[in-house]
Amino acid sequence: LTFKQISKKLKKNGVLICFDRGMPNHVTKKPVSYT
């Protein structure tokens, strides 16, 4: 739903620039945590 909503707001040939966390499901929280 989020990507559908984003697509609706973008003009034709609009771009989503995304700087975010992305981890496969098998990655545990320990390697992701900086603590």
PDB file of all heavy atoms in Angstrom:
ATOM      1  N   LEU A   1       0.831  -1.200   0.000  1.00  0.00           N
ATOM      2  CA  LEU A   1       0.000   0.000   0.000  1.00  0.00           C
ATOM      3  C   LEU A   1       0.874   1.261   0.000  1.00  0.00           C
ATOM      4  O   LEU A   1       0.593   2.219  -0.726  1.00  0.00           O
ATOM      5  CB  LEU A   1      -0.930   0.007   1.215  1.00  0.00           C
ATOM      6  CG  LEU A   1      -1.829   1.226   1.376  1.00  0.00           C
ATOM      7  CD1 LEU A   1      -2.713   1.429   0.152  1.00  0.00           C
ATOM      8  CD2 LEU A   1      -2.664   1.096   2.643  1.00  0.00           C
ATOM      9  N   THR A   2       1.929   1.249   0.772  1.00  0.00           N
ATOM     10  CA  THR A   2       2.826   2.400   0.842  1.00  0.00           C
ATOM     11  C   THR A   2       3.403   2.734  -0.530  1.00  0.00           C
ATOM     12  O   THR A   2       3.380   3.890  -0.962  1.00  0.00           O
ATOM     13  CB  THR A   2       3.961   2.142   1.851  1.00  0.00           C
ATOM     14  OG1 THR A   2       3.385   1.991   3.153  1.00  0.00           O
ATOM     15  CG2 THR A   2       4.971   3.271   1.857  1.00  0.00           C
ATOM     16  N   PHE A   3       3.903   1.731  -1.241  1.00  0.00           N
ATOM     17  CA  PHE A   3       4.481   1.991  -2.554  1.00  0.00           C
ATOM     18  C   PHE A   3       3.417   2.393  -3.579  1.00  0.00           C
ATOM     19  O   PHE A   3       3.686   3.191  -4.483  1.00  0.00           O
ATOM     20  CB  PHE A   3       5.313   0.805  -3.033  1.00  0.00           C
ATOM     21  CG  PHE A   3       6.647   0.727  -2.341  1.00  0.00           C
ATOM     22  CD1 PHE A   3       6.921  -0.283  -1.444  1.00  0.00           C
ATOM     23  CD2 PHE A   3       7.619   1.690  -2.563  1.00  0.00           C
ATOM     24  CE1 PHE A   3       8.143  -0.341  -0.789  1.00  0.00           C
ATOM     25  CE2 PHE A   3       8.848   1.645  -1.915  1.00  0.00           C
ATOM     26  CZ  PHE A   3       9.105   0.629  -1.020  1.00  0.00           C
ATOM     27  N   LYS A   4       2.203   1.906  -3.432  1.00  0.00           N
ATOM     28  CA  LYS A   4       1.108   2.352  -4.314  1.00  0.00           C
ATOM     29  C   LYS A   4       0.820   3.830  -4.068  1.00  0.00           C
ATOM     30  O   LYS A   4       0.627   4.600  -5.012  1.00  0.00           O
ATOM     31  CB  LYS A   4      -0.150   1.529  -4.067  1.00  0.00           C
ATOM     32  CG  LYS A   4      -0.086   0.144  -4.659  1.00  0.00           C
ATOM     33  CD  LYS A   4      -1.348  -0.643  -4.353  1.00  0.00           C
ATOM     34  CE  LYS A   4      -1.171  -2.074  -4.814  1.00  0.00           C
ATOM     35  NZ  LYS A   4      -2.290  -2.925  -4.388  1.00  0.00           N
ATOM     36  N   GLN A   5       0.781   4.233  -2.806  1.00  0.00           N
ATOM     37  CA  GLN A   5       0.523   5.629  -2.465  1.00  0.00           C
ATOM     38  C   GLN A   5       1.639   6.537  -2.977  1.00  0.00           C
ATOM     39  O   GLN A   5       1.386   7.612  -3.515  1.00  0.00           O
ATOM     40  CB  GLN A   5       0.348   5.801  -0.956  1.00  0.00           C
ATOM     41  CG  GLN A   5      -0.911   5.175  -0.407  1.00  0.00           C
ATOM     42  CD  GLN A   5      -2.156   5.795  -1.001  1.00  0.00           C
ATOM     43  OE1 GLN A   5      -2.297   7.018  -1.067  1.00  0.00           O
ATOM     44  NE2 GLN A   5      -3.060   4.965  -1.490  1.00  0.00           N
ATOM     45  N   ILE A   6       2.878   6.101  -2.798  1.00  0.00           N
ATOM     46  CA  ILE A   6       4.017   6.874  -3.293  1.00  0.00           C
ATOM     47  C   ILE A   6       3.928   7.029  -4.807  1.00  0.00           C
ATOM     48  O   ILE A   6       4.107   8.120  -5.347  1.00  0.00           O
ATOM     49  CB  ILE A   6       5.342   6.207  -2.874  1.00  0.00           C
ATOM     50  CG1 ILE A   6       5.565   6.403  -1.366  1.00  0.00           C
ATOM     51  CG2 ILE A   6       6.518   6.751  -3.684  1.00  0.00           C
ATOM     52  CD1 ILE A   6       6.712   5.592  -0.803  1.00  0.00           C
ATOM     53  N   SER A   7       3.620   5.941  -5.495  1.00  0.00           N
ATOM     54  CA  SER A   7       3.511   5.980  -6.961  1.00  0.00           C
ATOM     55  C   SER A   7       2.440   6.955  -7.423  1.00  0.00           C
ATOM     56  O   SER A   7       2.611   7.643  -8.432  1.00  0.00           O
ATOM     57  CB  SER A   7       3.198   4.590  -7.507  1.00  0.00           C
ATOM     58  OG  SER A   7       4.270   3.725  -7.288  1.00  0.00           O
ATOM     59  N   LYS A   8       1.333   7.037  -6.693  1.00  0.00           N
ATOM     60  CA  LYS A   8       0.255   7.959  -7.052  1.00  0.00           C
ATOM     61  C   LYS A   8       0.692   9.409  -6.949  1.00  0.00           C
ATOM     62  O   LYS A   8       0.238  10.259  -7.715  1.00  0.00           O
ATOM     63  CB  LYS A   8      -0.959   7.732  -6.141  1.00  0.00           C
ATOM     64  CG  LYS A   8      -1.766   6.506  -6.471  1.00  0.00           C
ATOM     65  CD  LYS A   8      -2.860   6.236  -5.469  1.00  0.00           C
ATOM     66  CE  LYS A   8      -3.748   7.419  -5.224  1.00  0.00           C
ATOM     67  NZ  LYS A   8      -4.880   7.124  -4.317  1.00  0.00           N
ATOM     68  N   LYS A   9       1.568   9.717  -6.023  1.00  0.00           N
ATOM     69  CA  LYS A   9       1.988  11.105  -5.805  1.00  0.00           C
ATOM     70  C   LYS A   9       3.058  11.557  -6.789  1.00  0.00           C
ATOM     71  O   LYS A   9       3.199  12.747  -7.055  1.00  0.00           O
ATOM     72  CB  LYS A   9       2.501  11.304  -4.377  1.00  0.00           C
ATOM     73  CG  LYS A   9       1.507  10.926  -3.306  1.00  0.00           C
ATOM     74  CD  LYS A   9       0.172  11.618  -3.498  1.00  0.00           C
ATOM     75  CE  LYS A   9      -0.873  11.067  -2.556  1.00  0.00           C
ATOM     76  NZ  LYS A   9      -2.191  11.642  -2.775  1.00  0.00           N
ATOM     77  N   LEU A  10       3.797  10.609  -7.348  1.00  0.00           N
ATOM     78  CA  LEU A  10       4.873  10.944  -8.284  1.00  0.00           C
ATOM     79  C   LEU A  10       4.330  11.248  -9.679  1.00  0.00           C
ATOM     80  O   LEU A  10       3.405  10.599 -10.150  1.00  0.00           O
ATOM     81  CB  LEU A  10       5.873   9.788  -8.378  1.00  0.00           C
ATOM     82  CG  LEU A  10       6.746   9.556  -7.155  1.00  0.00           C
ATOM     83  CD1 LEU A  10       7.499   8.242  -7.291  1.00  0.00           C
ATOM     84  CD2 LEU A  10       7.708  10.716  -6.950  1.00  0.00           C
ATOM     85  N   LYS A  11       4.940  12.230 -10.327  1.00  0.00           N
ATOM     86  CA  LYS A  11       4.641  12.492 -11.729  1.00  0.00           C
ATOM     87  C   LYS A  11       5.175  11.339 -12.568  1.00  0.00           C
ATOM     88  O   LYS A  11       5.978  10.534 -12.092  1.00  0.00           O
ATOM     89  CB  LYS A  11       5.332  13.779 -12.185  1.00  0.00           C
ATOM     90  CG  LYS A  11       4.816  15.033 -11.532  1.00  0.00           C
ATOM     91  CD  LYS A  11       5.608  16.241 -12.023  1.00  0.00           C
ATOM     92  CE  LYS A  11       5.170  17.515 -11.350  1.00  0.00           C
ATOM     93  NZ  LYS A  11       6.011  18.661 -11.757  1.00  0.00           N
ATOM     94  N   LYS A  12       4.757  11.300 -13.829  1.00  0.00           N
ATOM     95  CA  LYS A  12       5.298  10.299 -14.751  1.00  0.00           C
ATOM     96  C   LYS A  12       6.820  10.443 -14.761  1.00  0.00           C
ATOM     97  O   LYS A  12       7.351  11.551 -14.838  1.00  0.00           O
ATOM     98  CB  LYS A  12       4.741  10.508 -16.158  1.00  0.00           C
ATOM     99  CG  LYS A  12       5.184   9.453 -17.111  1.00  0.00           C
ATOM    100  CD  LYS A  12       4.575   9.657 -18.483  1.00  0.00           C
ATOM    101  CE  LYS A  12       5.047   8.552 -19.396  1.00  0.00           C
ATOM    102  NZ  LYS A  12       4.529   8.693 -20.736  1.00  0.00           N
ATOM    103  N   ASN A  13       7.524   9.336 -14.645  1.00  0.00           N
ATOM    104  CA  ASN A  13       8.985   9.286 -14.567  1.00  0.00           C
ATOM    105  C   ASN A  13       9.539   9.883 -13.272  1.00  0.00           C
ATOM    106  O   ASN A  13      10.724  10.169 -13.183  1.00  0.00           O
ATOM    107  CB  ASN A  13       9.645   9.955 -15.778  1.00  0.00           C
ATOM    108  CG  ASN A  13       9.297   9.254 -17.072  1.00  0.00           C
ATOM    109  OD1 ASN A  13       9.254   8.027 -17.136  1.00  0.00           O
ATOM    110  ND2 ASN A  13       9.023  10.019 -18.108  1.00  0.00           N
ATOM    111  N   GLY A  14       8.669  10.071 -12.264  1.00  0.00           N
ATOM    112  CA  GLY A  14       9.126  10.523 -10.958  1.00  0.00           C
ATOM    113  C   GLY A  14       9.952   9.432 -10.283  1.00  0.00           C
ATOM    114  O   GLY A  14       9.903   8.266 -10.663  1.00  0.00           O
ATOM    115  N   VAL A  15      10.711   9.816  -9.285  1.00  0.00           N
ATOM    116  CA  VAL A  15      11.676   8.902  -8.672  1.00  0.00           C
ATOM    117  C   VAL A  15      11.506   8.880  -7.154  1.00  0.00           C
ATOM    118  O   VAL A  15      11.335   9.937  -6.533  1.00  0.00           O
ATOM    119  CB  VAL A  15      13.116   9.357  -9.014  1.00  0.00           C
ATOM    120  CG1 VAL A  15      14.145   8.484  -8.332  1.00  0.00           C
ATOM    121  CG2 VAL A  15      13.334   9.367 -10.508  1.00  0.00           C
ATOM    122  N   LEU A  16      11.576   7.695  -6.578  1.00  0.00           N
ATOM    123  CA  LEU A  16      11.667   7.532  -5.129  1.00  0.00           C
ATOM    124  C   LEU A  16      13.137   7.332  -4.789  1.00  0.00           C
ATOM    125  O   LEU A  16      13.785   6.417  -5.288  1.00  0.00           O
ATOM    126  CB  LEU A  16      10.857   6.322  -4.654  1.00  0.00           C
ATOM    127  CG  LEU A  16      11.082   5.898  -3.198  1.00  0.00           C
ATOM    128  CD1 LEU A  16      10.670   6.999  -2.227  1.00  0.00           C
ATOM    129  CD2 LEU A  16      10.342   4.606  -2.912  1.00  0.00           C
ATOM    130  N   ILE A  17      13.676   8.214  -3.949  1.00  0.00           N
ATOM    131  CA  ILE A  17      15.053   8.087  -3.469  1.00  0.00           C
ATOM    132  C   ILE A  17      14.938   7.661  -2.014  1.00  0.00           C
ATOM    133  O   ILE A  17      14.397   8.397  -1.191  1.00  0.00           O
ATOM    134  CB  ILE A  17      15.808   9.423  -3.583  1.00  0.00           C
ATOM    135  CG1 ILE A  17      15.771   9.928  -5.025  1.00  0.00           C
ATOM    136  CG2 ILE A  17      17.239   9.281  -3.067  1.00  0.00           C
ATOM    137  CD1 ILE A  17      16.158  11.380  -5.175  1.00  0.00           C
ATOM    138  N   CYS A  18      15.418   6.480  -1.731  1.00  0.00           N
ATOM    139  CA  CYS A  18      15.165   5.889  -0.424  1.00  0.00           C
ATOM    140  C   CYS A  18      16.474   5.505   0.261  1.00  0.00           C
ATOM    141  O   CYS A  18      17.225   4.681  -0.254  1.00  0.00           O
ATOM    142  CB  CYS A  18      14.282   4.654  -0.615  1.00  0.00           C
ATOM    143  SG  CYS A  18      13.732   3.899   0.897  1.00  0.00           S
ATOM    144  N   PHE A  19      16.744   6.143   1.377  1.00  0.00           N
ATOM    145  CA  PHE A  19      17.881   5.781   2.228  1.00  0.00           C
ATOM    146  C   PHE A  19      17.289   5.171   3.485  1.00  0.00           C
ATOM    147  O   PHE A  19      16.777   5.886   4.347  1.00  0.00           O
ATOM    148  CB  PHE A  19      18.708   7.023   2.595  1.00  0.00           C
ATOM    149  CG  PHE A  19      19.329   7.700   1.419  1.00  0.00           C
ATOM    150  CD1 PHE A  19      18.702   8.759   0.803  1.00  0.00           C
ATOM    151  CD2 PHE A  19      20.549   7.255   0.928  1.00  0.00           C
ATOM    152  CE1 PHE A  19      19.281   9.392  -0.283  1.00  0.00           C
ATOM    153  CE2 PHE A  19      21.134   7.876  -0.166  1.00  0.00           C
ATOM    154  CZ  PHE A  19      20.489   8.953  -0.769  1.00  0.00           C
ATOM    155  N   ASP A  20      17.318   3.871   3.560  1.00  0.00           N
ATOM    156  CA  ASP A  20      16.634   3.212   4.664  1.00  0.00           C
ATOM    157  C   ASP A  20      17.305   1.899   4.994  1.00  0.00           C
ATOM    158  O   ASP A  20      18.151   1.415   4.256  1.00  0.00           O
ATOM    159  CB  ASP A  20      15.173   2.965   4.283  1.00  0.00           C
ATOM    160  CG  ASP A  20      14.249   3.008   5.487  1.00  0.00           C
ATOM    161  OD1 ASP A  20      14.606   2.439   6.534  1.00  0.00           O
ATOM    162  OD2 ASP A  20      13.173   3.592   5.368  1.00  0.00           O
ATOM    163  N   ARG A  21      16.889   1.351   6.103  1.00  0.00           N
ATOM    164  CA  ARG A  21      17.405   0.050   6.526  1.00  0.00           C
ATOM    165  C   ARG A  21      16.735  -1.038   5.696  1.00  0.00           C
ATOM    166  O   ARG A  21      15.545  -0.998   5.473  1.00  0.00           O
ATOM    167  CB  ARG A  21      17.068  -0.203   7.988  1.00  0.00           C
ATOM    168  CG  ARG A  21      17.517   0.885   8.880  1.00  0.00           C
ATOM    169  CD  ARG A  21      16.824   0.765  10.219  1.00  0.00           C
ATOM    170  NE  ARG A  21      16.842   2.065  10.851  1.00  0.00           N
ATOM    171  CZ  ARG A  21      17.043   2.250  12.131  1.00  0.00           C
ATOM    172  NH1 ARG A  21      17.191   1.217  12.921  1.00  0.00           N
ATOM    173  NH2 ARG A  21      17.063   3.449  12.630  1.00  0.00           N
ATOM    174  N   GLY A  22      17.493  -1.972   5.286  1.00  0.00           N
ATOM    175  CA  GLY A  22      16.944  -3.102   4.562  1.00  0.00           C
ATOM    176  C   GLY A  22      17.765  -4.335   4.882  1.00  0.00           C
ATOM    177  O   GLY A  22      18.947  -4.387   4.579  1.00  0.00           O
ATOM    178  N   MET A  23      17.155  -5.273   5.537  1.00  0.00           N
ATOM    179  CA  MET A  23      17.851  -6.490   5.937  1.00  0.00           C
ATOM    180  C   MET A  23      16.998  -7.702   5.560  1.00  0.00           C
ATOM    181  O   MET A  23      15.779  -7.657   5.688  1.00  0.00           O
ATOM    182  CB  MET A  23      18.060  -6.517   7.457  1.00  0.00           C
ATOM    183  CG  MET A  23      18.732  -5.326   8.043  1.00  0.00           C
ATOM    184  SD  MET A  23      20.463  -5.299   7.603  1.00  0.00           S
ATOM    185  CE  MET A  23      20.936  -3.712   8.238  1.00  0.00           C
ATOM    186  N   PRO A  24      17.628  -8.760   5.135  1.00  0.00           N
ATOM    187  CA  PRO A  24      16.874  -9.986   4.912  1.00  0.00           C
ATOM    188  C   PRO A  24      16.275 -10.468   6.233  1.00  0.00           C
ATOM    189  O   PRO A  24      16.797 -10.175   7.310  1.00  0.00           O
ATOM    190  CB  PRO A  24      17.923 -10.984   4.406  1.00  0.00           C
ATOM    191  CG  PRO A  24      19.104 -10.165   4.009  1.00  0.00           C
ATOM    192  CD  PRO A  24      19.039  -8.899   4.795  1.00  0.00           C
ATOM    193  N   ASN A  25      15.192 -11.201   6.166  1.00  0.00           N
ATOM    194  CA  ASN A  25      14.511 -11.680   7.374  1.00  0.00           C
ATOM    195  C   ASN A  25      15.392 -12.540   8.262  1.00  0.00           C
ATOM    196  O   ASN A  25      15.171 -12.614   9.466  1.00  0.00           O
ATOM    197  CB  ASN A  25      13.242 -12.451   7.009  1.00  0.00           C
ATOM    198  CG  ASN A  25      12.163 -11.535   6.492  1.00  0.00           C
ATOM    199  OD1 ASN A  25      12.157 -10.349   6.787  1.00  0.00           O
ATOM    200  ND2 ASN A  25      11.249 -12.073   5.725  1.00  0.00           N
ATOM    201  N   HIS A  26      16.409 -13.203   7.701  1.00  0.00           N
ATOM    202  CA  HIS A  26      17.231 -14.087   8.513  1.00  0.00           C
ATOM    203  C   HIS A  26      18.276 -13.337   9.350  1.00  0.00           C
ATOM    204  O   HIS A  26      18.924 -13.915  10.202  1.00  0.00           O
ATOM    205  CB  HIS A  26      17.930 -15.146   7.637  1.00  0.00           C
ATOM    206  CG  HIS A  26      18.945 -14.566   6.696  1.00  0.00           C
ATOM    207  ND1 HIS A  26      18.597 -14.110   5.436  1.00  0.00           N
ATOM    208  CD2 HIS A  26      20.273 -14.345   6.828  1.00  0.00           C
ATOM    209  CE1 HIS A  26      19.684 -13.647   4.837  1.00  0.00           C
ATOM    210  NE2 HIS A  26      20.706 -13.769   5.659  1.00  0.00           N
ATOM    211  N   VAL A  27      18.420 -12.027   9.135  1.00  0.00           N
ATOM    212  CA  VAL A  27      19.375 -11.251   9.920  1.00  0.00           C
ATOM    213  C   VAL A  27      18.770 -10.988  11.293  1.00  0.00           C
ATOM    214  O   VAL A  27      17.645 -10.504  11.403  1.00  0.00           O
ATOM    215  CB  VAL A  27      19.713  -9.914   9.224  1.00  0.00           C
ATOM    216  CG1 VAL A  27      20.605  -9.049  10.110  1.00  0.00           C
ATOM    217  CG2 VAL A  27      20.382 -10.173   7.893  1.00  0.00           C
ATOM    218  N   THR A  28      19.519 -11.313  12.327  1.00  0.00           N
ATOM    219  CA  THR A  28      19.030 -11.085  13.680  1.00  0.00           C
ATOM    220  C   THR A  28      19.236  -9.629  14.073  1.00  0.00           C
ATOM    221  O   THR A  28      19.946  -8.889  13.399  1.00  0.00           O
ATOM    222  CB  THR A  28      19.774 -11.985  14.694  1.00  0.00           C
ATOM    223  OG1 THR A  28      21.149 -11.590  14.716  1.00  0.00           O
ATOM    224  CG2 THR A  28      19.655 -13.450  14.315  1.00  0.00           C
ATOM    225  N   LYS A  29      18.671  -9.248  15.193  1.00  0.00           N
ATOM    226  CA  LYS A  29      18.801  -7.869  15.655  1.00  0.00           C
ATOM    227  C   LYS A  29      20.215  -7.554  16.128  1.00  0.00           C
ATOM    228  O   LYS A  29      20.635  -6.413  16.108  1.00  0.00           O
ATOM    229  CB  LYS A  29      17.809  -7.594  16.779  1.00  0.00           C
ATOM    230  CG  LYS A  29      16.379  -7.525  16.278  1.00  0.00           C
ATOM    231  CD  LYS A  29      15.433  -7.136  17.384  1.00  0.00           C
ATOM    232  CE  LYS A  29      14.026  -7.052  16.833  1.00  0.00           C
ATOM    233  NZ  LYS A  29      13.079  -6.596  17.821  1.00  0.00           N
ATOM    234  N   LYS A  30      20.976  -8.551  16.552  1.00  0.00           N
ATOM    235  CA  LYS A  30      22.310  -8.292  17.087  1.00  0.00           C
ATOM    236  C   LYS A  30      23.230  -7.596  16.077  1.00  0.00           C
ATOM    237  O   LYS A  30      23.827  -6.572  16.408  1.00  0.00           O
ATOM    238  CB  LYS A  30      22.951  -9.578  17.600  1.00  0.00           C
ATOM    239  CG  LYS A  30      24.283  -9.330  18.276  1.00  0.00           C
ATOM    240  CD  LYS A  30      24.864 -10.595  18.873  1.00  0.00           C
ATOM    241  CE  LYS A  30      26.197 -10.284  19.528  1.00  0.00           C
ATOM    242  NZ  LYS A  30      26.824 -11.467  20.077  1.00  0.00           N
ATOM    243  N   PRO A  31      23.378  -8.101  14.829  1.00  0.00           N
ATOM    244  CA  PRO A  31      24.258  -7.397  13.890  1.00  0.00           C
ATOM    245  C   PRO A  31      23.735  -6.015  13.496  1.00  0.00           C
ATOM    246  O   PRO A  31      24.503  -5.147  13.111  1.00  0.00           O
ATOM    247  CB  PRO A  31      24.310  -8.301  12.672  1.00  0.00           C
ATOM    248  CG  PRO A  31      23.739  -9.593  13.069  1.00  0.00           C
ATOM    249  CD  PRO A  31      22.884  -9.345  14.274  1.00  0.00           C
ATOM    250  N   VAL A  32      22.445  -5.806  13.611  1.00  0.00           N
ATOM    251  CA  VAL A  32      21.846  -4.546  13.221  1.00  0.00           C
ATOM    252  C   VAL A  32      22.026  -3.502  14.322  1.00  0.00           C
ATOM    253  O   VAL A  32      22.161  -2.322  14.069  1.00  0.00           O
ATOM    254  CB  VAL A  32      20.349  -4.729  12.902  1.00  0.00           C
ATOM    255  CG1 VAL A  32      19.692  -3.397  12.568  1.00  0.00           C
ATOM    256  CG2 VAL A  32      20.184  -5.713  11.757  1.00  0.00           C
ATOM    257  N   SER A  33      22.083  -3.955  15.559  1.00  0.00           N
ATOM    258  CA  SER A  33      22.184  -3.062  16.695  1.00  0.00           C
ATOM    259  C   SER A  33      23.597  -2.502  16.822  1.00  0.00           C
ATOM    260  O   SER A  33      24.586  -3.222  16.675  1.00  0.00           O
ATOM    261  CB  SER A  33      21.823  -3.809  17.985  1.00  0.00           C
ATOM    262  OG  SER A  33      22.109  -3.017  19.103  1.00  0.00           O
ATOM    263  N   TYR A  34      23.677  -1.226  17.118  1.00  0.00           N
ATOM    264  CA  TYR A  34      24.985  -0.604  17.303  1.00  0.00           C
ATOM    265  C   TYR A  34      25.424  -0.651  18.755  1.00  0.00           C
ATOM    266  O   TYR A  34      26.505  -0.261  19.080  1.00  0.00           O
ATOM    267  CB  TYR A  34      24.946   0.849  16.822  1.00  0.00           C
ATOM    268  CG  TYR A  34      24.698   0.940  15.342  1.00  0.00           C
ATOM    269  CD1 TYR A  34      23.456   1.276  14.836  1.00  0.00           C
ATOM    270  CD2 TYR A  34      25.721   0.671  14.426  1.00  0.00           C
ATOM    271  CE1 TYR A  34      23.234   1.354  13.477  1.00  0.00           C
ATOM    272  CE2 TYR A  34      25.500   0.740  13.064  1.00  0.00           C
ATOM    273  CZ  TYR A  34      24.251   1.084  12.600  1.00  0.00           C
ATOM    274  OH  TYR A  34      24.035   1.151  11.263  1.00  0.00           O
ATOM    275  N   THR A  35      24.558  -1.126  19.634  1.00  0.00           N
ATOM    276  CA  THR A  35      24.885  -1.117  21.062  1.00  0.00           C
ATOM    277  C   THR A  35      25.964  -2.135  21.419  1.00  0.00           C
ATOM    278  O   THR A  35      26.617  -1.991  22.430  1.00  0.00           O
ATOM    279  CB  THR A  35      23.657  -1.394  21.914  1.00  0.00           C
ATOM    280  OG1 THR A  35      23.102  -2.663  21.547  1.00  0.00           O
ATOM    281  CG2 THR A  35      22.608  -0.295  21.726  1.00  0.00           C
TER     282      THR A  35
END
